[in-house]
PDB file of all heavy atoms in Angstrom:
ATOM      1  N   PRO A   1     -27.556  -5.716   2.948  1.00  0.00           N
ATOM      2  CA  PRO A   1     -26.424  -5.928   2.038  1.00  0.00           C
ATOM      3  C   PRO A   1     -25.393  -4.737   2.103  1.00  0.00           C
ATOM      4  O   PRO A   1     -25.253  -4.035   1.135  1.00  0.00           O
ATOM      5  CB  PRO A   1     -27.015  -6.005   0.639  1.00  0.00           C
ATOM      6  CG  PRO A   1     -28.316  -5.146   0.793  1.00  0.00           C
ATOM      7  CD  PRO A   1     -28.749  -5.304   2.185  1.00  0.00           C
ATOM      8  N   TYR A   2     -24.681  -4.633   3.242  1.00  0.00           N
ATOM      9  CA  TYR A   2     -23.780  -3.513   3.433  1.00  0.00           C
ATOM     10  C   TYR A   2     -22.732  -3.375   2.374  1.00  0.00           C
ATOM     11  O   TYR A   2     -22.423  -2.300   1.883  1.00  0.00           O
ATOM     12  CB  TYR A   2     -23.150  -3.571   4.856  1.00  0.00           C
ATOM     13  CG  TYR A   2     -24.058  -3.145   5.920  1.00  0.00           C
ATOM     14  CD1 TYR A   2     -24.642  -4.152   6.768  1.00  0.00           C
ATOM     15  CD2 TYR A   2     -24.405  -1.830   6.162  1.00  0.00           C
ATOM     16  CE1 TYR A   2     -25.522  -3.763   7.802  1.00  0.00           C
ATOM     17  CE2 TYR A   2     -25.311  -1.478   7.222  1.00  0.00           C
ATOM     18  CZ  TYR A   2     -25.864  -2.436   7.986  1.00  0.00           C
ATOM     19  OH  TYR A   2     -26.694  -2.101   9.021  1.00  0.00           O
ATOM     20  N   GLU A   3     -22.122  -4.536   1.994  1.00  0.00           N
ATOM     21  CA  GLU A   3     -21.065  -4.518   1.004  1.00  0.00           C
ATOM     22  C   GLU A   3     -21.558  -4.113  -0.339  1.00  0.00           C
ATOM     23  O   GLU A   3     -20.927  -3.331  -1.099  1.00  0.00           O
ATOM     24  CB  GLU A   3     -20.322  -5.880   0.954  1.00  0.00           C
ATOM     25  CG  GLU A   3     -19.492  -6.231   2.192  1.00  0.00           C
ATOM     26  CD  GLU A   3     -18.707  -7.461   1.998  1.00  0.00           C
ATOM     27  OE1 GLU A   3     -18.535  -7.928   0.833  1.00  0.00           O
ATOM     28  OE2 GLU A   3     -18.245  -8.017   2.986  1.00  0.00           O
ATOM     29  N   ILE A   4     -22.739  -4.582  -0.649  1.00  0.00           N
ATOM     30  CA  ILE A   4     -23.315  -4.184  -2.025  1.00  0.00           C
ATOM     31  C   ILE A   4     -23.641  -2.731  -2.004  1.00  0.00           C
ATOM     32  O   ILE A   4     -23.368  -2.006  -3.026  1.00  0.00           O
ATOM     33  CB  ILE A   4     -24.596  -5.024  -2.299  1.00  0.00           C
ATOM     34  CG1 ILE A   4     -24.225  -6.462  -2.528  1.00  0.00           C
ATOM     35  CG2 ILE A   4     -25.322  -4.436  -3.496  1.00  0.00           C
ATOM     36  CD1 ILE A   4     -25.442  -7.410  -2.573  1.00  0.00           C
ATOM     37  N   VAL A   5     -24.157  -2.180  -0.918  1.00  0.00           N
ATOM     38  CA  VAL A   5     -24.436  -0.737  -0.817  1.00  0.00           C
ATOM     39  C   VAL A   5     -23.210   0.079  -0.962  1.00  0.00           C
ATOM     40  O   VAL A   5     -23.197   1.097  -1.652  1.00  0.00           O
ATOM     41  CB  VAL A   5     -25.221  -0.485   0.505  1.00  0.00           C
ATOM     42  CG1 VAL A   5     -25.312   1.036   0.760  1.00  0.00           C
ATOM     43  CG2 VAL A   5     -26.610  -1.049   0.481  1.00  0.00           C
ATOM     44  N   ALA A   6     -22.111  -0.383  -0.338  1.00  0.00           N
ATOM     45  CA  ALA A   6     -20.921   0.382  -0.364  1.00  0.00           C
ATOM     46  C   ALA A   6     -20.351   0.418  -1.819  1.00  0.00           C
ATOM     47  O   ALA A   6     -19.890   1.433  -2.347  1.00  0.00           O
ATOM     48  CB  ALA A   6     -19.891  -0.288   0.526  1.00  0.00           C
ATOM     49  N   LYS A   7     -20.488  -0.737  -2.534  1.00  0.00           N
ATOM     50  CA  LYS A   7     -20.071  -0.766  -3.960  1.00  0.00           C
ATOM     51  C   LYS A   7     -20.922   0.136  -4.772  1.00  0.00           C
ATOM     52  O   LYS A   7     -20.440   0.854  -5.735  1.00  0.00           O
ATOM     53  CB  LYS A   7     -20.114  -2.198  -4.488  1.00  0.00           C
ATOM     54  CG  LYS A   7     -19.104  -3.138  -3.890  1.00  0.00           C
ATOM     55  CD  LYS A   7     -19.224  -4.574  -4.315  1.00  0.00           C
ATOM     56  CE  LYS A   7     -18.211  -5.453  -3.668  1.00  0.00           C
ATOM     57  NZ  LYS A   7     -18.359  -6.907  -4.083  1.00  0.00           N
ATOM     58  N   MET A   8     -22.269   0.147  -4.511  1.00  0.00           N
ATOM     59  CA  MET A   8     -23.122   1.080  -5.266  1.00  0.00           C
ATOM     60  C   MET A   8     -22.744   2.507  -5.001  1.00  0.00           C
ATOM     61  O   MET A   8     -22.833   3.348  -5.913  1.00  0.00           O
ATOM     62  CB  MET A   8     -24.563   0.782  -4.957  1.00  0.00           C
ATOM     63  CG  MET A   8     -25.111  -0.535  -5.460  1.00  0.00           C
ATOM     64  SD  MET A   8     -26.970  -0.638  -5.475  1.00  0.00           S
ATOM     65  CE  MET A   8     -27.281  -0.449  -3.660  1.00  0.00           C
ATOM     66  N   GLY A   9     -22.341   2.778  -3.750  1.00  0.00           N
ATOM     67  CA  GLY A   9     -21.915   4.127  -3.452  1.00  0.00           C
ATOM     68  C   GLY A   9     -20.698   4.513  -4.222  1.00  0.00           C
ATOM     69  O   GLY A   9     -20.580   5.668  -4.794  1.00  0.00           O
ATOM     70  N   ARG A  10     -19.728   3.583  -4.338  1.00  0.00           N
ATOM     71  CA  ARG A  10     -18.543   3.913  -5.055  1.00  0.00           C
ATOM     72  C   ARG A  10     -18.783   4.053  -6.554  1.00  0.00           C
ATOM     73  O   ARG A  10     -18.072   4.799  -7.247  1.00  0.00           O
ATOM     74  CB  ARG A  10     -17.467   2.791  -4.838  1.00  0.00           C
ATOM     75  CG  ARG A  10     -16.913   2.838  -3.407  1.00  0.00           C
ATOM     76  CD  ARG A  10     -15.651   1.927  -3.355  1.00  0.00           C
ATOM     77  NE  ARG A  10     -15.966   0.488  -3.394  1.00  0.00           N
ATOM     78  CZ  ARG A  10     -16.288  -0.247  -2.385  1.00  0.00           C
ATOM     79  NH1 ARG A  10     -16.413   0.220  -1.146  1.00  0.00           N
ATOM     80  NH2 ARG A  10     -16.497  -1.552  -2.606  1.00  0.00           N
ATOM     81  N   MET A  11     -19.843   3.425  -7.030  1.00  0.00           N
ATOM     82  CA  MET A  11     -20.256   3.539  -8.490  1.00  0.00           C
ATOM     83  C   MET A  11     -20.911   4.913  -8.733  1.00  0.00           C
ATOM     84  O   MET A  11     -21.115   5.292  -9.874  1.00  0.00           O
ATOM     85  CB  MET A  11     -21.115   2.461  -8.822  1.00  0.00           C
ATOM     86  CG  MET A  11     -20.456   1.062  -8.934  1.00  0.00           C
ATOM     87  SD  MET A  11     -21.710  -0.297  -9.155  1.00  0.00           S
ATOM     88  CE  MET A  11     -22.374   0.075 -10.798  1.00  0.00           C
ATOM     89  N   GLY A  12     -21.345   5.529  -7.684  1.00  0.00           N
ATOM     90  CA  GLY A  12     -22.025   6.849  -7.802  1.00  0.00           C
ATOM     91  C   GLY A  12     -23.553   6.720  -7.962  1.00  0.00           C
ATOM     92  O   GLY A  12     -24.152   7.708  -8.305  1.00  0.00           O
ATOM     93  N   LEU A  13     -24.046   5.505  -7.702  1.00  0.00           N
ATOM     94  CA  LEU A  13     -25.464   5.351  -7.943  1.00  0.00           C
ATOM     95  C   LEU A  13     -26.365   6.163  -6.974  1.00  0.00           C
ATOM     96  O   LEU A  13     -27.400   6.626  -7.411  1.00  0.00           O
ATOM     97  CB  LEU A  13     -25.919   3.853  -7.855  1.00  0.00           C
ATOM     98  CG  LEU A  13     -25.212   2.879  -8.813  1.00  0.00           C
ATOM     99  CD1 LEU A  13     -25.791   1.451  -8.670  1.00  0.00           C
ATOM    100  CD2 LEU A  13     -25.257   3.336 -10.263  1.00  0.00           C
ATOM    101  N   PHE A  14     -25.957   6.367  -5.792  1.00  0.00           N
ATOM    102  CA  PHE A  14     -26.713   7.177  -4.826  1.00  0.00           C
ATOM    103  C   PHE A  14     -26.718   8.692  -5.149  1.00  0.00           C
ATOM    104  O   PHE A  14     -27.592   9.420  -4.691  1.00  0.00           O
ATOM    105  CB  PHE A  14     -26.225   6.926  -3.396  1.00  0.00           C
ATOM    106  CG  PHE A  14     -26.627   5.628  -2.826  1.00  0.00           C
ATOM    107  CD1 PHE A  14     -25.757   4.569  -2.826  1.00  0.00           C
ATOM    108  CD2 PHE A  14     -27.899   5.411  -2.264  1.00  0.00           C
ATOM    109  CE1 PHE A  14     -26.142   3.293  -2.378  1.00  0.00           C
ATOM    110  CE2 PHE A  14     -28.235   4.226  -1.674  1.00  0.00           C
ATOM    111  CZ  PHE A  14     -27.371   3.154  -1.775  1.00  0.00           C
ATOM    112  N   GLY A  15     -25.805   9.069  -6.016  1.00  0.00           N
ATOM    113  CA  GLY A  15     -25.649  10.469  -6.355  1.00  0.00           C
ATOM    114  C   GLY A  15     -26.126  10.776  -7.760  1.00  0.00           C
ATOM    115  O   GLY A  15     -25.999  11.909  -8.266  1.00  0.00           O
ATOM    116  N   LEU A  16     -26.736   9.768  -8.450  1.00  0.00           N
ATOM    117  CA  LEU A  16     -27.044   9.973  -9.850  1.00  0.00           C
ATOM    118  C   LEU A  16     -27.782  11.240 -10.237  1.00  0.00           C
ATOM    119  O   LEU A  16     -27.386  11.978 -11.118  1.00  0.00           O
ATOM    120  CB  LEU A  16     -27.866   8.767 -10.360  1.00  0.00           C
ATOM    121  CG  LEU A  16     -27.063   7.538 -10.703  1.00  0.00           C
ATOM    122  CD1 LEU A  16     -27.940   6.336 -11.016  1.00  0.00           C
ATOM    123  CD2 LEU A  16     -26.166   7.809 -11.921  1.00  0.00           C
ATOM    124  N   PRO A  17     -28.965  11.617  -9.531  1.00  0.00           N
ATOM    125  CA  PRO A  17     -29.656  12.774 -10.038  1.00  0.00           C
ATOM    126  C   PRO A  17     -29.255  14.112  -9.367  1.00  0.00           C
ATOM    127  O   PRO A  17     -29.946  15.112  -9.609  1.00  0.00           O
ATOM    128  CB  PRO A  17     -31.080  12.417  -9.596  1.00  0.00           C
ATOM    129  CG  PRO A  17     -30.883  11.678  -8.301  1.00  0.00           C
ATOM    130  CD  PRO A  17     -29.626  10.953  -8.402  1.00  0.00           C
ATOM    131  N   PHE A  18     -28.221  14.107  -8.588  1.00  0.00           N
ATOM    132  CA  PHE A  18     -27.824  15.330  -7.846  1.00  0.00           C
ATOM    133  C   PHE A  18     -26.681  16.063  -8.430  1.00  0.00           C
ATOM    134  O   PHE A  18     -25.798  15.419  -9.099  1.00  0.00           O
ATOM    135  CB  PHE A  18     -27.538  14.949  -6.398  1.00  0.00           C
ATOM    136  CG  PHE A  18     -28.685  14.201  -5.776  1.00  0.00           C
ATOM    137  CD1 PHE A  18     -28.522  12.905  -5.295  1.00  0.00           C
ATOM    138  CD2 PHE A  18     -29.939  14.779  -5.591  1.00  0.00           C
ATOM    139  CE1 PHE A  18     -29.547  12.202  -4.697  1.00  0.00           C
ATOM    140  CE2 PHE A  18     -30.966  14.130  -4.998  1.00  0.00           C
ATOM    141  CZ  PHE A  18     -30.756  12.811  -4.498  1.00  0.00           C
ATOM    142  N   SER A  19     -26.643  17.346  -8.318  1.00  0.00           N
ATOM    143  CA  SER A  19     -25.579  18.130  -8.928  1.00  0.00           C
ATOM    144  C   SER A  19     -24.227  17.882  -8.362  1.00  0.00           C
ATOM    145  O   SER A  19     -24.114  17.483  -7.068  1.00  0.00           O
ATOM    146  CB  SER A  19     -25.915  19.671  -8.857  1.00  0.00           C
ATOM    147  OG  SER A  19     -26.003  20.048  -7.512  1.00  0.00           O
ATOM    148  N   GLU A  20     -23.267  18.101  -9.105  1.00  0.00           N
ATOM    149  CA  GLU A  20     -21.876  17.740  -8.667  1.00  0.00           C
ATOM    150  C   GLU A  20     -21.379  18.578  -7.494  1.00  0.00           C
ATOM    151  O   GLU A  20     -20.531  18.178  -6.705  1.00  0.00           O
ATOM    152  CB  GLU A  20     -20.869  17.916  -9.857  1.00  0.00           C
ATOM    153  CG  GLU A  20     -21.123  16.918 -10.990  1.00  0.00           C
ATOM    154  CD  GLU A  20     -20.260  17.137 -12.239  1.00  0.00           C
ATOM    155  OE1 GLU A  20     -19.284  17.894 -12.043  1.00  0.00           O
ATOM    156  OE2 GLU A  20     -20.479  16.528 -13.267  1.00  0.00           O
ATOM    157  N   GLU A  21     -21.904  19.770  -7.325  1.00  0.00           N
ATOM    158  CA  GLU A  21     -21.497  20.667  -6.217  1.00  0.00           C
ATOM    159  C   GLU A  21     -21.819  20.069  -4.874  1.00  0.00           C
ATOM    160  O   GLU A  21     -21.196  20.445  -3.903  1.00  0.00           O
ATOM    161  CB  GLU A  21     -22.107  22.056  -6.340  1.00  0.00           C
ATOM    162  CG  GLU A  21     -23.598  22.083  -6.213  1.00  0.00           C
ATOM    163  CD  GLU A  21     -24.087  23.560  -6.265  1.00  0.00           C
ATOM    164  OE1 GLU A  21     -23.591  24.421  -5.518  1.00  0.00           O
ATOM    165  OE2 GLU A  21     -25.125  23.790  -6.976  1.00  0.00           O
ATOM    166  N   TYR A  22     -22.763  19.152  -4.815  1.00  0.00           N
ATOM    167  CA  TYR A  22     -23.103  18.479  -3.596  1.00  0.00           C
ATOM    168  C   TYR A  22     -22.597  16.998  -3.585  1.00  0.00           C
ATOM    169  O   TYR A  22     -23.048  16.212  -2.701  1.00  0.00           O
ATOM    170  CB  TYR A  22     -24.653  18.519  -3.347  1.00  0.00           C
ATOM    171  CG  TYR A  22     -25.161  19.940  -3.333  1.00  0.00           C
ATOM    172  CD1 TYR A  22     -26.095  20.301  -4.262  1.00  0.00           C
ATOM    173  CD2 TYR A  22     -24.772  20.824  -2.351  1.00  0.00           C
ATOM    174  CE1 TYR A  22     -26.585  21.629  -4.287  1.00  0.00           C
ATOM    175  CE2 TYR A  22     -25.311  22.089  -2.361  1.00  0.00           C
ATOM    176  CZ  TYR A  22     -26.193  22.535  -3.352  1.00  0.00           C
ATOM    177  OH  TYR A  22     -26.700  23.778  -3.289  1.00  0.00           O
ATOM    178  N   GLY A  23     -21.747  16.654  -4.469  1.00  0.00           N
ATOM    179  CA  GLY A  23     -21.164  15.334  -4.457  1.00  0.00           C
ATOM    180  C   GLY A  23     -21.949  14.363  -5.362  1.00  0.00           C
ATOM    181  O   GLY A  23     -21.582  13.103  -5.327  1.00  0.00           O
ATOM    182  N   GLY A  24     -22.840  14.842  -6.181  1.00  0.00           N
ATOM    183  CA  GLY A  24     -23.624  14.009  -7.060  1.00  0.00           C
ATOM    184  C   GLY A  24     -22.967  13.777  -8.406  1.00  0.00           C
ATOM    185  O   GLY A  24     -21.853  14.237  -8.628  1.00  0.00           O
ATOM    186  N   MET A  25     -23.626  13.077  -9.241  1.00  0.00           N
ATOM    187  CA  MET A  25     -23.163  12.710 -10.570  1.00  0.00           C
ATOM    188  C   MET A  25     -23.624  13.660 -11.692  1.00  0.00           C
ATOM    189  O   MET A  25     -23.178  13.482 -12.803  1.00  0.00           O
ATOM    190  CB  MET A  25     -23.526  11.228 -10.936  1.00  0.00           C
ATOM    191  CG  MET A  25     -22.949  10.246  -9.920  1.00  0.00           C
ATOM    192  SD  MET A  25     -21.191  10.096  -9.932  1.00  0.00           S
ATOM    193  CE  MET A  25     -20.899   9.371 -11.500  1.00  0.00           C
ATOM    194  N   GLY A  26     -24.486  14.523 -11.304  1.00  0.00           N
ATOM    195  CA  GLY A  26     -24.962  15.503 -12.338  1.00  0.00           C
ATOM    196  C   GLY A  26     -25.898  14.895 -13.369  1.00  0.00           C
ATOM    197  O   GLY A  26     -26.058  15.461 -14.456  1.00  0.00           O
ATOM    198  N   GLY A  27     -26.498  13.730 -13.084  1.00  0.00           N
ATOM    199  CA  GLY A  27     -27.425  13.118 -14.034  1.00  0.00           C
ATOM    200  C   GLY A  27     -28.798  13.553 -13.847  1.00  0.00           C
ATOM    201  O   GLY A  27     -29.099  14.668 -13.329  1.00  0.00           O
ATOM    202  N   ASP A  28     -29.798  12.738 -14.233  1.00  0.00           N
ATOM    203  CA  ASP A  28     -31.211  13.054 -14.049  1.00  0.00           C
ATOM    204  C   ASP A  28     -31.952  11.895 -13.435  1.00  0.00           C
ATOM    205  O   ASP A  28     -31.419  10.885 -13.139  1.00  0.00           O
ATOM    206  CB  ASP A  28     -31.805  13.411 -15.413  1.00  0.00           C
ATOM    207  CG  ASP A  28     -31.633  12.318 -16.510  1.00  0.00           C
ATOM    208  OD1 ASP A  28     -31.628  11.130 -16.095  1.00  0.00           O
ATOM    209  OD2 ASP A  28     -31.613  12.669 -17.691  1.00  0.00           O
ATOM    210  N   PHE A  29     -33.267  12.060 -13.254  1.00  0.00           N
ATOM    211  CA  PHE A  29     -34.073  11.097 -12.529  1.00  0.00           C
ATOM    212  C   PHE A  29     -34.240   9.838 -13.387  1.00  0.00           C
ATOM    213  O   PHE A  29     -34.387   8.776 -12.829  1.00  0.00           O
ATOM    214  CB  PHE A  29     -35.444  11.673 -12.208  1.00  0.00           C
ATOM    215  CG  PHE A  29     -36.099  10.967 -11.033  1.00  0.00           C
ATOM    216  CD1 PHE A  29     -35.696  11.131  -9.773  1.00  0.00           C
ATOM    217  CD2 PHE A  29     -37.193  10.120 -11.316  1.00  0.00           C
ATOM    218  CE1 PHE A  29     -36.351  10.475  -8.726  1.00  0.00           C
ATOM    219  CE2 PHE A  29     -37.779   9.416 -10.277  1.00  0.00           C
ATOM    220  CZ  PHE A  29     -37.346   9.587  -8.983  1.00  0.00           C
ATOM    221  N   LEU A  30     -34.227   9.938 -14.707  1.00  0.00           N
ATOM    222  CA  LEU A  30     -34.338   8.757 -15.558  1.00  0.00           C
ATOM    223  C   LEU A  30     -33.141   7.826 -15.261  1.00  0.00           C
ATOM    224  O   LEU A  30     -33.330   6.606 -15.357  1.00  0.00           O
ATOM    225  CB  LEU A  30     -34.415   9.160 -17.019  1.00  0.00           C
ATOM    226  CG  LEU A  30     -34.514   7.960 -18.074  1.00  0.00           C
ATOM    227  CD1 LEU A  30     -35.764   7.095 -17.746  1.00  0.00           C
ATOM    228  CD2 LEU A  30     -34.645   8.503 -19.466  1.00  0.00           C
ATOM    229  N   ALA A  31     -32.001   8.425 -15.103  1.00  0.00           N
ATOM    230  CA  ALA A  31     -30.777   7.596 -14.803  1.00  0.00           C
ATOM    231  C   ALA A  31     -31.055   6.677 -13.523  1.00  0.00           C
ATOM    232  O   ALA A  31     -30.718   5.502 -13.565  1.00  0.00           O
ATOM    233  CB  ALA A  31     -29.608   8.453 -14.575  1.00  0.00           C
ATOM    234  N   VAL A  32     -31.679   7.232 -12.490  1.00  0.00           N
ATOM    235  CA  VAL A  32     -32.010   6.478 -11.348  1.00  0.00           C
ATOM    236  C   VAL A  32     -32.956   5.326 -11.709  1.00  0.00           C
ATOM    237  O   VAL A  32     -32.792   4.195 -11.316  1.00  0.00           O
ATOM    238  CB  VAL A  32     -32.678   7.351 -10.263  1.00  0.00           C
ATOM    239  CG1 VAL A  32     -33.043   6.520  -9.024  1.00  0.00           C
ATOM    240  CG2 VAL A  32     -31.717   8.478  -9.845  1.00  0.00           C
ATOM    241  N   CYS A  33     -33.973   5.626 -12.527  1.00  0.00           N
ATOM    242  CA  CYS A  33     -34.970   4.625 -12.957  1.00  0.00           C
ATOM    243  C   CYS A  33     -34.233   3.520 -13.719  1.00  0.00           C
ATOM    244  O   CYS A  33     -34.594   2.322 -13.510  1.00  0.00           O
ATOM    245  CB  CYS A  33     -36.045   5.310 -13.745  1.00  0.00           C
ATOM    246  SG  CYS A  33     -37.050   6.475 -12.796  1.00  0.00           S
ATOM    247  N   VAL A  34     -33.419   3.866 -14.587  1.00  0.00           N
ATOM    248  CA  VAL A  34     -32.689   2.827 -15.375  1.00  0.00           C
ATOM    249  C   VAL A  34     -31.897   1.941 -14.451  1.00  0.00           C
ATOM    250  O   VAL A  34     -31.889   0.693 -14.617  1.00  0.00           O
ATOM    251  CB  VAL A  34     -31.768   3.482 -16.445  1.00  0.00           C
ATOM    252  CG1 VAL A  34     -30.870   2.497 -17.049  1.00  0.00           C
ATOM    253  CG2 VAL A  34     -32.660   4.243 -17.507  1.00  0.00           C
ATOM    254  N   ALA A  35     -31.212   2.503 -13.449  1.00  0.00           N
ATOM    255  CA  ALA A  35     -30.452   1.679 -12.562  1.00  0.00           C
ATOM    256  C   ALA A  35     -31.367   0.825 -11.705  1.00  0.00           C
ATOM    257  O   ALA A  35     -31.034  -0.356 -11.486  1.00  0.00           O
ATOM    258  CB  ALA A  35     -29.609   2.613 -11.642  1.00  0.00           C
ATOM    259  N   LEU A  36     -32.450   1.292 -11.276  1.00  0.00           N
ATOM    260  CA  LEU A  36     -33.429   0.546 -10.503  1.00  0.00           C
ATOM    261  C   LEU A  36     -33.959  -0.611 -11.239  1.00  0.00           C
ATOM    262  O   LEU A  36     -34.080  -1.759 -10.712  1.00  0.00           O
ATOM    263  CB  LEU A  36     -34.507   1.457  -9.990  1.00  0.00           C
ATOM    264  CG  LEU A  36     -34.236   2.485  -8.931  1.00  0.00           C
ATOM    265  CD1 LEU A  36     -35.400   3.397  -8.723  1.00  0.00           C
ATOM    266  CD2 LEU A  36     -33.802   1.783  -7.634  1.00  0.00           C
ATOM    267  N   GLU A  37     -34.287  -0.418 -12.502  1.00  0.00           N
ATOM    268  CA  GLU A  37     -34.816  -1.526 -13.304  1.00  0.00           C
ATOM    269  C   GLU A  37     -33.816  -2.689 -13.420  1.00  0.00           C
ATOM    270  O   GLU A  37     -34.170  -3.794 -13.234  1.00  0.00           O
ATOM    271  CB  GLU A  37     -35.186  -1.053 -14.696  1.00  0.00           C
ATOM    272  CG  GLU A  37     -35.788  -2.144 -15.539  1.00  0.00           C
ATOM    273  CD  GLU A  37     -36.184  -1.739 -16.962  1.00  0.00           C
ATOM    274  OE1 GLU A  37     -36.335  -0.506 -17.240  1.00  0.00           O
ATOM    275  OE2 GLU A  37     -36.299  -2.625 -17.862  1.00  0.00           O
ATOM    276  N   GLU A  38     -32.554  -2.326 -13.647  1.00  0.00           N
ATOM    277  CA  GLU A  38     -31.575  -3.396 -13.811  1.00  0.00           C
ATOM    278  C   GLU A  38     -31.261  -4.117 -12.481  1.00  0.00           C
ATOM    279  O   GLU A  38     -31.044  -5.328 -12.467  1.00  0.00           O
ATOM    280  CB  GLU A  38     -30.287  -2.796 -14.395  1.00  0.00           C
ATOM    281  CG  GLU A  38     -30.380  -2.377 -15.864  1.00  0.00           C
ATOM    282  CD  GLU A  38     -30.865  -3.445 -16.743  1.00  0.00           C
ATOM    283  OE1 GLU A  38     -30.448  -4.663 -16.604  1.00  0.00           O
ATOM    284  OE2 GLU A  38     -31.747  -3.138 -17.642  1.00  0.00           O
ATOM    285  N   LEU A  39     -31.272  -3.389 -11.424  1.00  0.00           N
ATOM    286  CA  LEU A  39     -31.079  -4.038 -10.082  1.00  0.00           C
ATOM    287  C   LEU A  39     -32.191  -4.986  -9.759  1.00  0.00           C
ATOM    288  O   LEU A  39     -31.934  -6.071  -9.269  1.00  0.00           O
ATOM    289  CB  LEU A  39     -30.905  -2.974  -9.009  1.00  0.00           C
ATOM    290  CG  LEU A  39     -29.574  -2.175  -9.000  1.00  0.00           C
ATOM    291  CD1 LEU A  39     -29.666  -1.038  -8.004  1.00  0.00           C
ATOM    292  CD2 LEU A  39     -28.416  -3.053  -8.696  1.00  0.00           C
ATOM    293  N   ALA A  40     -33.415  -4.541 -10.040  1.00  0.00           N
ATOM    294  CA  ALA A  40     -34.623  -5.269  -9.610  1.00  0.00           C
ATOM    295  C   ALA A  40     -34.797  -6.539 -10.507  1.00  0.00           C
ATOM    296  O   ALA A  40     -35.512  -7.459 -10.091  1.00  0.00           O
ATOM    297  CB  ALA A  40     -35.857  -4.421  -9.660  1.00  0.00           C
ATOM    298  N   ARG A  41     -34.140  -6.569 -11.663  1.00  0.00           N
ATOM    299  CA  ARG A  41     -34.173  -7.790 -12.506  1.00  0.00           C
ATOM    300  C   ARG A  41     -33.488  -8.893 -11.734  1.00  0.00           C
ATOM    301  O   ARG A  41     -33.768 -10.101 -12.001  1.00  0.00           O
ATOM    302  CB  ARG A  41     -33.472  -7.561 -13.793  1.00  0.00           C
ATOM    303  CG  ARG A  41     -34.260  -6.727 -14.770  1.00  0.00           C
ATOM    304  CD  ARG A  41     -33.473  -6.518 -16.106  1.00  0.00           C
ATOM    305  NE  ARG A  41     -33.373  -7.702 -16.873  1.00  0.00           N
ATOM    306  CZ  ARG A  41     -32.858  -7.737 -18.126  1.00  0.00           C
ATOM    307  NH1 ARG A  41     -32.459  -6.604 -18.683  1.00  0.00           N
ATOM    308  NH2 ARG A  41     -32.802  -8.816 -18.866  1.00  0.00           N
ATOM    309  N   VAL A  42     -32.675  -8.564 -10.827  1.00  0.00           N
ATOM    310  CA  VAL A  42     -31.932  -9.607  -9.937  1.00  0.00           C
ATOM    311  C   VAL A  42     -32.442  -9.673  -8.519  1.00  0.00           C
ATOM    312  O   VAL A  42     -32.726 -10.707  -8.026  1.00  0.00           O
ATOM    313  CB  VAL A  42     -30.376  -9.305  -9.958  1.00  0.00           C
ATOM    314  CG1 VAL A  42     -29.681 -10.176  -8.968  1.00  0.00           C
ATOM    315  CG2 VAL A  42     -29.858  -9.469 -11.339  1.00  0.00           C
TER     316      VAL A  42
END
């Protein structure tokens, strides 16, 4: 699903737990888990 992956990239999902200095969103690992749960519901 290349288009879906590109959209997730633009949403910042791949950078959720990483610091902003490396292009991340500055979040934490729980944020990744929350996103994964909602995606896997579909």
